[in-house]
Amino acid sequence: MTEPIRLEESPSPLPHIGFSAFFGMEASLDSMLEKPQKLESMVPPACVPNPLEDSTDLEKICSATLADVIEQEKQLIRFSDDLDYIGLNIGIALSYIQDILPKTVRIFYVGFSGTKGSGKSTATSFCSRVCNEGVKLEGVSYPAVADACRHKKTLCLDEFDAQSEKCPELETIVRQGIDLDAHVCKMALDGKGNWHRDDIPCGGMKFLNWRGNIDDALLQRILVIKMAAGASTRMIINNEAPERFTGPIQCWFAAHAARAKDVWSPDRVRDLVEDRDHFLEKRLDSLIGTVPRQIQKGFWMLVICDIFGWSLDATIKHLIEKQPEDNAFEDYRELVAEIYAQKKELKKDDGGVVMELVDFKKDMAQRVKDKGLYPLRHKGALSWTGLRQECGWVDGLNERKDWKSGKKVLIFDDHVLKAIGVDTAGQQVLDQSGG
Protein backbone atom coordinates (compact mmCIF):
# COMPACT_ATOMS: atom_id res chain seq x y z
CA MET A 1 0.00 0.00 0.00
CA THR A 2 1.46 3.33 -1.02
CA GLU A 3 1.82 6.15 1.48
CA PRO A 4 -0.92 8.80 1.24
CA ILE A 5 -0.10 11.84 -0.83
CA ARG A 6 0.57 15.00 1.22
CA LEU A 7 -0.74 17.76 -0.99
CA GLU A 8 0.97 20.60 0.89
CA GLU A 9 4.40 19.23 -0.05
CA SER A 10 3.88 20.13 -3.72
CA PRO A 11 2.54 23.62 -4.47
CA SER A 12 2.93 23.41 -8.25
CA PRO A 13 -0.35 23.82 -10.20
CA LEU A 14 -2.22 20.98 -11.84
CA PRO A 15 -0.63 20.52 -15.28
CA HIS A 16 -2.81 20.71 -18.37
CA ILE A 17 -2.32 17.53 -20.37
CA GLY A 18 -3.40 17.86 -23.97
CA PHE A 19 -3.60 15.25 -26.71
CA SER A 20 -0.46 16.55 -28.39
CA ALA A 21 1.43 15.73 -25.20
CA PHE A 22 0.15 12.17 -25.46
CA PHE A 23 1.91 11.77 -28.78
CA GLY A 24 4.88 13.90 -27.74
CA MET A 25 4.53 16.28 -30.67
CA GLU A 26 2.65 19.36 -31.80
CA ALA A 27 -0.07 17.74 -33.86
CA SER A 28 -3.85 17.83 -33.96
CA LEU A 29 -5.85 14.73 -33.10
CA ASP A 30 -7.65 14.81 -36.43
CA SER A 31 -4.38 14.51 -38.33
CA MET A 32 -3.30 11.64 -36.10
CA LEU A 33 -6.57 9.78 -36.60
CA GLU A 34 -6.03 9.92 -40.36
CA LYS A 35 -2.86 7.90 -39.75
CA PRO A 36 -3.66 5.56 -36.84
CA GLN A 37 -0.68 4.10 -35.05
CA LYS A 38 0.32 0.59 -36.01
CA LEU A 39 -0.38 -2.13 -33.49
CA GLU A 40 3.29 -3.11 -33.51
CA SER A 41 4.14 0.20 -31.85
CA MET A 42 2.30 -1.02 -28.77
CA VAL A 43 4.67 -3.92 -28.08
CA PRO A 44 6.85 -2.77 -25.18
CA PRO A 45 10.62 -2.90 -25.51
CA ALA A 46 12.67 -4.84 -23.01
CA CYS A 47 13.21 -1.77 -20.86
CA VAL A 48 11.36 1.55 -20.92
CA PRO A 49 12.53 4.36 -18.61
CA ASN A 50 9.94 4.92 -15.93
CA PRO A 51 9.58 8.59 -14.89
CA LEU A 52 7.18 7.44 -12.16
CA GLU A 53 9.61 4.93 -10.64
CA ASP A 54 10.36 6.84 -7.44
CA SER A 55 6.86 6.82 -5.93
CA THR A 56 8.09 8.68 -2.83
CA ASP A 57 9.08 11.79 -4.82
CA LEU A 58 5.77 13.63 -5.17
CA GLU A 59 7.22 16.42 -7.30
CA LYS A 60 8.69 13.91 -9.74
CA ILE A 61 5.41 12.02 -9.92
CA CYS A 62 3.40 15.18 -10.62
CA SER A 63 5.79 16.25 -13.36
CA ALA A 64 5.05 13.05 -15.30
CA THR A 65 2.51 13.37 -18.10
CA LEU A 66 -0.42 11.23 -19.11
CA ALA A 67 1.80 10.00 -21.94
CA ASP A 68 4.30 8.72 -19.36
CA VAL A 69 1.53 6.87 -17.55
CA ILE A 70 0.32 5.24 -20.77
CA GLU A 71 3.83 4.07 -21.66
CA GLN A 72 4.01 2.28 -18.32
CA GLU A 73 0.53 0.79 -18.77
CA LYS A 74 1.69 -0.72 -22.06
CA GLN A 75 4.25 -2.75 -20.13
CA LEU A 76 1.36 -4.73 -18.59
CA ILE A 77 -1.71 -4.60 -20.85
CA ARG A 78 -2.29 -4.46 -24.58
CA PHE A 79 -5.32 -2.99 -26.35
CA SER A 80 -6.33 -3.23 -30.00
CA ASP A 81 -6.48 0.58 -30.29
CA ASP A 82 -3.90 2.93 -28.78
CA LEU A 83 -6.55 5.50 -27.92
CA ASP A 84 -8.26 2.99 -25.61
CA TYR A 85 -5.56 3.76 -23.05
CA ILE A 86 -7.07 7.25 -22.86
CA GLY A 87 -10.50 5.75 -22.22
CA LEU A 88 -9.09 3.50 -19.50
CA ASN A 89 -7.43 6.41 -17.74
CA ILE A 90 -10.60 8.50 -17.83
CA GLY A 91 -12.33 5.60 -16.06
CA ILE A 92 -9.55 5.30 -13.49
CA ALA A 93 -9.72 9.07 -12.90
CA LEU A 94 -13.47 8.79 -12.28
CA SER A 95 -12.84 6.35 -9.42
CA TYR A 96 -10.80 9.02 -7.64
CA ILE A 97 -13.25 11.93 -7.93
CA GLN A 98 -16.70 10.35 -7.69
CA ASP A 99 -16.96 11.61 -4.11
CA ILE A 100 -17.24 15.21 -5.38
CA LEU A 101 -19.87 14.40 -8.01
CA PRO A 102 -23.56 15.03 -7.33
CA LYS A 103 -24.96 11.88 -5.71
CA THR A 104 -27.98 11.79 -8.01
CA VAL A 105 -26.00 11.27 -11.23
CA ARG A 106 -25.55 8.15 -13.35
CA ILE A 107 -21.99 7.29 -14.34
CA PHE A 108 -20.45 4.63 -16.60
CA TYR A 109 -18.22 1.58 -16.16
CA VAL A 110 -15.15 0.34 -18.04
CA GLY A 111 -15.28 -3.18 -19.46
CA PHE A 112 -12.83 -5.41 -21.32
CA SER A 113 -13.86 -7.68 -24.20
CA GLY A 114 -11.89 -10.12 -26.31
CA THR A 115 -11.28 -13.76 -27.07
CA LYS A 116 -10.09 -16.31 -24.55
CA GLY A 117 -6.52 -15.59 -23.44
CA SER A 118 -6.48 -12.01 -24.76
CA GLY A 119 -5.73 -10.49 -21.35
CA LYS A 120 -9.15 -9.43 -20.02
CA SER A 121 -8.42 -10.75 -16.52
CA THR A 122 -4.98 -9.14 -16.55
CA ALA A 123 -6.50 -5.77 -17.43
CA THR A 124 -9.08 -6.14 -14.66
CA SER A 125 -6.33 -7.00 -12.16
CA PHE A 126 -4.38 -3.95 -13.31
CA CYS A 127 -7.39 -1.72 -12.62
CA SER A 128 -7.78 -3.14 -9.12
CA ARG A 129 -4.20 -2.05 -8.39
CA VAL A 130 -4.35 1.50 -9.77
CA CYS A 131 -7.90 2.71 -9.23
CA ASN A 132 -9.11 4.24 -5.98
CA GLU A 133 -9.76 1.57 -3.30
CA GLY A 134 -9.81 -1.17 -5.91
CA VAL A 135 -10.58 -4.79 -5.10
CA LYS A 136 -10.67 -7.68 -7.57
CA LEU A 137 -13.42 -10.19 -6.88
CA GLU A 138 -13.24 -13.76 -8.15
CA GLY A 139 -15.51 -16.61 -7.15
CA VAL A 140 -17.75 -14.08 -5.45
CA SER A 141 -20.42 -14.61 -2.82
CA TYR A 142 -23.05 -12.13 -1.69
CA PRO A 143 -21.37 -11.49 1.70
CA ALA A 144 -18.05 -10.72 -0.04
CA VAL A 145 -19.65 -8.29 -2.50
CA ALA A 146 -21.76 -6.66 0.21
CA ASP A 147 -18.71 -6.16 2.43
CA ALA A 148 -16.73 -4.56 -0.42
CA CYS A 149 -19.64 -2.21 -1.17
CA ARG A 150 -20.02 -1.19 2.47
CA HIS A 151 -16.34 -0.23 2.57
CA LYS A 152 -16.76 1.82 -0.64
CA LYS A 153 -14.38 -0.31 -2.66
CA THR A 154 -14.13 -0.01 -6.44
CA LEU A 155 -15.29 -3.43 -7.67
CA CYS A 156 -13.13 -5.06 -10.35
CA LEU A 157 -15.05 -8.11 -11.54
CA ASP A 158 -13.49 -10.98 -13.46
CA GLU A 159 -15.86 -12.95 -15.74
CA PHE A 160 -18.85 -10.93 -14.59
CA ASP A 161 -21.42 -12.92 -16.58
CA ALA A 162 -20.26 -16.27 -15.19
CA GLN A 163 -20.06 -14.94 -11.63
CA SER A 164 -23.55 -13.44 -11.90
CA GLU A 165 -24.97 -16.90 -12.55
CA LYS A 166 -23.51 -18.11 -9.24
CA CYS A 167 -24.35 -14.91 -7.35
CA PRO A 168 -27.53 -13.30 -8.76
CA GLU A 169 -27.20 -10.39 -6.34
CA LEU A 170 -24.01 -9.36 -8.15
CA GLU A 171 -25.90 -8.58 -11.35
CA THR A 172 -28.39 -6.46 -9.40
CA ILE A 173 -25.56 -4.57 -7.70
CA VAL A 174 -23.83 -3.87 -11.01
CA ARG A 175 -27.04 -2.83 -12.76
CA GLN A 176 -28.06 -0.48 -9.97
CA GLY A 177 -24.53 0.77 -9.30
CA ILE A 178 -24.38 3.24 -12.18
CA ASP A 179 -26.45 5.53 -9.92
CA LEU A 180 -24.03 6.98 -7.38
CA ASP A 181 -26.64 6.97 -4.61
CA ALA A 182 -27.93 3.45 -5.40
CA HIS A 183 -28.66 0.92 -2.66
CA VAL A 184 -29.61 -2.74 -2.91
CA CYS A 185 -31.86 -4.09 -0.17
CA LYS A 186 -32.08 -7.73 0.84
CA MET A 187 -33.61 -9.57 3.78
CA ALA A 188 -30.99 -11.64 5.58
CA LEU A 189 -30.68 -13.76 8.71
CA ASP A 190 -28.45 -12.60 11.56
CA GLY A 191 -26.45 -14.88 13.85
CA LYS A 192 -29.48 -15.46 16.07
CA GLY A 193 -31.73 -16.56 13.23
CA ASN A 194 -33.65 -13.29 13.06
CA TRP A 195 -34.49 -11.59 9.78
CA HIS A 196 -33.21 -8.08 9.16
CA ARG A 197 -32.98 -5.70 6.24
CA ASP A 198 -29.55 -5.62 4.62
CA ASP A 199 -29.13 -2.23 2.92
CA ILE A 200 -26.04 -2.18 0.69
CA PRO A 201 -24.68 1.04 -0.93
CA CYS A 202 -23.65 -0.14 -4.38
CA GLY A 203 -23.24 3.05 -6.43
CA GLY A 204 -19.86 3.85 -7.92
CA MET A 205 -17.25 3.09 -10.57
CA LYS A 206 -16.66 -0.53 -11.56
CA PHE A 207 -14.32 -2.37 -13.93
CA LEU A 208 -15.34 -5.73 -15.39
CA ASN A 209 -14.87 -8.29 -18.11
CA TRP A 210 -17.09 -11.05 -19.42
CA ARG A 211 -16.84 -14.42 -21.17
CA GLY A 212 -19.76 -14.24 -23.52
CA ASN A 213 -22.42 -11.56 -23.63
CA ILE A 214 -24.17 -9.23 -21.25
CA ASP A 215 -27.48 -7.45 -21.47
CA ASP A 216 -27.59 -4.68 -24.08
CA ALA A 217 -29.03 -2.17 -21.60
CA LEU A 218 -26.04 -2.67 -19.30
CA LEU A 219 -23.62 -2.72 -22.22
CA GLN A 220 -24.66 0.81 -23.15
CA ARG A 221 -23.42 1.95 -19.72
CA ILE A 222 -19.97 0.45 -20.27
CA LEU A 223 -17.01 1.94 -22.09
CA VAL A 224 -15.95 -1.22 -23.90
CA ILE A 225 -12.23 -1.71 -24.54
CA LYS A 226 -11.19 -4.50 -26.88
CA MET A 227 -8.09 -6.44 -25.93
CA ALA A 228 -5.38 -7.29 -28.46
CA ALA A 229 -4.50 -10.99 -28.46
CA GLY A 230 -0.92 -12.06 -27.90
CA ALA A 231 1.13 -10.73 -25.01
CA SER A 232 4.88 -10.39 -25.47
CA THR A 233 7.30 -12.32 -23.28
CA ARG A 234 8.27 -9.07 -21.57
CA MET A 235 4.65 -8.32 -20.69
CA ILE A 236 4.18 -11.78 -19.19
CA ILE A 237 7.28 -11.30 -17.04
CA ASN A 238 6.20 -7.79 -16.00
CA ASN A 239 2.83 -9.11 -14.84
CA GLU A 240 4.50 -11.57 -12.48
CA ALA A 241 5.54 -8.59 -10.34
CA PRO A 242 3.48 -5.61 -11.56
CA GLU A 243 3.85 -3.44 -8.44
CA ARG A 244 6.83 -1.47 -9.80
CA PHE A 245 4.48 -0.19 -12.53
CA THR A 246 1.13 -0.05 -10.75
CA GLY A 247 2.34 1.55 -7.51
CA PRO A 248 3.68 4.75 -9.12
CA ILE A 249 0.65 4.95 -11.45
CA GLN A 250 -1.67 4.81 -8.43
CA CYS A 251 0.35 7.58 -6.77
CA TRP A 252 0.13 9.69 -9.92
CA PHE A 253 -3.66 9.45 -10.01
CA ALA A 254 -3.97 10.09 -6.27
CA ALA A 255 -1.78 13.21 -6.52
CA HIS A 256 -3.57 14.64 -9.52
CA ALA A 257 -6.99 13.85 -8.06
CA ALA A 258 -6.05 15.64 -4.82
CA ARG A 259 -5.02 18.73 -6.76
CA ALA A 260 -8.14 18.59 -8.91
CA LYS A 261 -10.28 18.54 -5.76
CA ASP A 262 -8.47 21.67 -4.54
CA VAL A 263 -9.72 23.44 -7.67
CA TRP A 264 -13.09 21.72 -8.08
CA SER A 265 -15.38 21.91 -5.07
CA PRO A 266 -18.59 19.83 -5.10
CA ASP A 267 -20.56 23.02 -5.78
CA ARG A 268 -18.39 23.91 -8.76
CA VAL A 269 -18.72 20.35 -10.10
CA ARG A 270 -22.49 20.58 -9.74
CA ASP A 271 -22.49 23.79 -11.76
CA LEU A 272 -20.47 22.05 -14.46
CA VAL A 273 -22.79 19.03 -14.51
CA GLU A 274 -25.96 21.14 -14.60
CA ASP A 275 -24.53 22.83 -17.71
CA ARG A 276 -26.71 25.93 -17.45
CA ASP A 277 -24.66 27.72 -20.12
CA HIS A 278 -25.04 24.72 -22.49
CA PHE A 279 -21.26 24.49 -22.82
CA LEU A 280 -21.17 20.68 -22.49
CA GLU A 281 -24.28 20.29 -24.61
CA LYS A 282 -22.67 22.09 -27.55
CA ARG A 283 -19.52 19.99 -27.25
CA LEU A 284 -21.56 16.79 -27.10
CA ASP A 285 -23.60 17.71 -30.16
CA SER A 286 -20.44 18.28 -32.16
CA LEU A 287 -18.81 15.07 -30.93
CA ILE A 288 -21.43 12.35 -30.77
CA GLY A 289 -24.64 13.74 -32.20
CA THR A 290 -24.86 10.72 -34.50
CA VAL A 291 -24.63 8.18 -31.66
CA PRO A 292 -27.45 9.14 -29.26
CA ARG A 293 -27.22 5.97 -27.17
CA GLN A 294 -23.67 6.90 -26.20
CA ILE A 295 -24.38 10.48 -25.11
CA GLN A 296 -24.32 9.74 -21.37
CA LYS A 297 -20.89 8.11 -21.54
CA GLY A 298 -19.58 10.99 -23.63
CA PHE A 299 -21.00 13.51 -21.18
CA TRP A 300 -19.20 12.02 -18.19
CA MET A 301 -15.96 11.59 -20.08
CA LEU A 302 -16.04 15.33 -20.87
CA VAL A 303 -16.79 16.18 -17.23
CA ILE A 304 -13.92 14.06 -15.92
CA CYS A 305 -11.47 15.50 -18.44
CA ASP A 306 -12.50 19.04 -17.51
CA ILE A 307 -11.95 18.33 -13.82
CA PHE A 308 -8.49 16.87 -14.47
CA GLY A 309 -7.56 19.56 -17.01
CA TRP A 310 -7.31 17.20 -19.96
CA SER A 311 -8.25 18.55 -23.41
CA LEU A 312 -9.41 15.36 -25.11
CA ASP A 313 -12.71 16.14 -26.85
CA ALA A 314 -11.68 14.69 -30.21
CA THR A 315 -10.30 11.58 -28.53
CA ILE A 316 -13.63 11.06 -26.78
CA LYS A 317 -15.36 11.37 -30.16
CA HIS A 318 -13.22 8.53 -31.49
CA LEU A 319 -13.80 6.36 -28.43
CA ILE A 320 -17.56 6.85 -28.50
CA GLU A 321 -17.96 6.27 -32.23
CA LYS A 322 -16.38 2.83 -32.02
CA GLN A 323 -18.44 1.60 -29.08
CA PRO A 324 -20.43 -1.57 -29.85
CA GLU A 325 -24.11 -1.08 -30.63
CA ASP A 326 -24.81 -4.82 -30.60
CA ASN A 327 -24.37 -7.62 -28.09
CA ALA A 328 -21.65 -10.26 -27.88
CA PHE A 329 -23.52 -12.82 -30.04
CA GLU A 330 -22.27 -10.93 -33.11
CA ASP A 331 -19.28 -13.23 -33.68
CA TYR A 332 -21.51 -16.27 -33.29
CA ARG A 333 -24.10 -14.94 -35.74
CA GLU A 334 -21.32 -14.55 -38.30
CA LEU A 335 -20.49 -18.24 -37.86
CA VAL A 336 -24.16 -19.14 -38.37
CA ALA A 337 -24.08 -17.13 -41.61
CA GLU A 338 -20.98 -19.07 -42.68
CA ILE A 339 -22.78 -22.36 -42.05
CA TYR A 340 -25.74 -21.18 -44.10
CA ALA A 341 -23.49 -20.10 -46.98
CA GLN A 342 -22.00 -23.60 -47.14
CA LYS A 343 -25.24 -25.51 -46.55
CA LYS A 344 -27.75 -23.45 -48.53
CA GLU A 345 -27.95 -26.06 -51.30
CA LEU A 346 -29.11 -28.71 -48.82
CA LYS A 347 -32.67 -29.90 -48.35
CA LYS A 348 -35.25 -27.13 -48.54
CA ASP A 349 -38.91 -26.83 -47.69
CA ASP A 350 -41.34 -24.01 -48.35
CA GLY A 351 -39.82 -22.04 -45.47
CA GLY A 352 -36.14 -22.25 -46.43
CA VAL A 353 -33.02 -24.38 -45.97
CA VAL A 354 -33.43 -27.16 -43.39
CA MET A 355 -30.62 -28.46 -41.17
CA GLU A 356 -30.78 -31.02 -38.38
CA LEU A 357 -30.17 -29.41 -34.97
CA VAL A 358 -27.61 -32.05 -34.00
CA ASP A 359 -25.55 -31.42 -37.14
CA PHE A 360 -25.82 -27.65 -36.69
CA LYS A 361 -24.58 -27.79 -33.09
CA LYS A 362 -21.67 -30.06 -34.04
CA ASP A 363 -20.62 -27.79 -36.93
CA MET A 364 -21.08 -24.65 -34.82
CA ALA A 365 -19.07 -26.03 -31.89
CA GLN A 366 -16.11 -26.76 -34.17
CA ARG A 367 -16.20 -23.29 -35.73
CA VAL A 368 -16.41 -21.67 -32.28
CA LYS A 369 -13.35 -23.66 -31.21
CA ASP A 370 -11.40 -22.81 -34.38
CA LYS A 371 -12.10 -19.09 -33.94
CA GLY A 372 -11.09 -19.10 -30.27
CA LEU A 373 -14.50 -18.02 -28.97
CA TYR A 374 -15.98 -19.19 -25.70
CA PRO A 375 -18.00 -22.41 -26.11
CA LEU A 376 -21.76 -22.19 -26.05
CA ARG A 377 -23.32 -23.72 -22.94
CA HIS A 378 -26.68 -25.27 -22.13
CA LYS A 379 -27.69 -22.35 -19.91
CA GLY A 380 -26.50 -18.92 -18.93
CA ALA A 381 -25.86 -15.71 -20.85
CA LEU A 382 -23.89 -17.41 -23.65
CA SER A 383 -26.03 -20.47 -24.37
CA TRP A 384 -27.37 -22.47 -27.30
CA THR A 385 -30.85 -21.27 -26.41
CA GLY A 386 -29.68 -17.66 -26.43
CA LEU A 387 -28.03 -18.10 -29.83
CA ARG A 388 -31.15 -19.64 -31.37
CA GLN A 389 -33.27 -16.79 -30.02
CA GLU A 390 -30.72 -14.26 -31.27
CA CYS A 391 -30.87 -15.79 -34.74
CA GLY A 392 -34.68 -15.76 -34.86
CA TRP A 393 -35.48 -19.44 -34.41
CA VAL A 394 -38.77 -20.05 -32.59
CA ASP A 395 -39.72 -23.47 -31.25
CA GLY A 396 -42.69 -24.85 -33.13
CA LEU A 397 -42.31 -22.48 -36.08
CA ASN A 398 -38.89 -22.53 -37.76
CA GLU A 399 -37.46 -24.90 -35.15
CA ARG A 400 -39.44 -28.16 -35.09
CA LYS A 401 -39.41 -31.91 -35.54
CA ASP A 402 -39.15 -33.23 -39.06
CA TRP A 403 -42.27 -35.33 -39.70
CA LYS A 404 -40.30 -37.95 -41.65
CA SER A 405 -37.14 -38.46 -39.59
CA GLY A 406 -38.54 -37.41 -36.24
CA LYS A 407 -35.38 -35.37 -35.63
CA LYS A 408 -35.40 -31.72 -34.61
CA VAL A 409 -34.47 -29.35 -37.42
CA LEU A 410 -33.73 -25.67 -37.87
CA ILE A 411 -35.20 -23.80 -40.83
CA PHE A 412 -33.25 -20.88 -42.27
CA ASP A 413 -36.32 -18.83 -43.25
CA ASP A 414 -36.32 -15.13 -44.16
CA HIS A 415 -36.61 -14.11 -40.52
CA VAL A 416 -33.47 -16.06 -39.60
CA LEU A 417 -31.54 -14.88 -42.67
CA LYS A 418 -32.28 -11.26 -41.77
CA ALA A 419 -31.11 -11.85 -38.18
CA ILE A 420 -27.77 -13.32 -39.32
CA GLY A 421 -27.19 -10.58 -41.88
CA VAL A 422 -27.90 -12.44 -45.13
CA ASP A 423 -29.27 -10.34 -47.99
CA THR A 424 -32.63 -12.06 -48.48
CA ALA A 425 -33.57 -9.85 -51.45
CA GLY A 426 -30.40 -10.84 -53.31
CA GLN A 427 -30.95 -14.48 -52.42
CA GLN A 428 -34.48 -14.40 -53.83
CA VAL A 429 -33.14 -13.01 -57.13
CA LEU A 430 -30.62 -15.84 -57.34
CA ASP A 431 -33.29 -18.44 -56.61
CA GLN A 432 -35.61 -17.06 -59.28
CA SER A 433 -32.82 -17.01 -61.84
CA GLY A 434 -31.80 -20.56 -61.04
CA GLY A 435 -28.39 -19.43 -59.68
Foldseek 3Di string as FASTA:
>chain_A
DDDADDQVVDPDAQDFAEPCVLVPHPDDVVVCVVPFDDQVVLAADLDDDQQLQPLVPLVSLRVDHPNSLLNLVSLAFGFPGSLVSVVVVLLLLQLLQVVLAPQQAFAFEAEEDEFPQLCRVSVLVLSQLQHDQRDEDDLDEVVVLQVCQVVVHAYRYEAQQVSCVVHVVSVVLLVQQSRNQDWDWDWDADPVRDTDIRIGRRHDYYYYYHAFKDDLVNLLRYLYTYGDHDHDPSNVVCSVPVCSSRVSSNSSSSNLSVSLCVVAGSVNLVCVLVCPVCPLVVLLCVQPVVPVSNSNNLSSSVSSCVSSNYDQSNSSSVSSVPRDNDIRCLVLLLVVVVVCVVQQVDDADPFGGKDFPVVVLVSSQVVCVVVRGDGADCDTPRHPVNNCVLLPWDEPPQWYADPPPRTTMGGCGPSSCVSSPHDVVVVVVCVVVVD
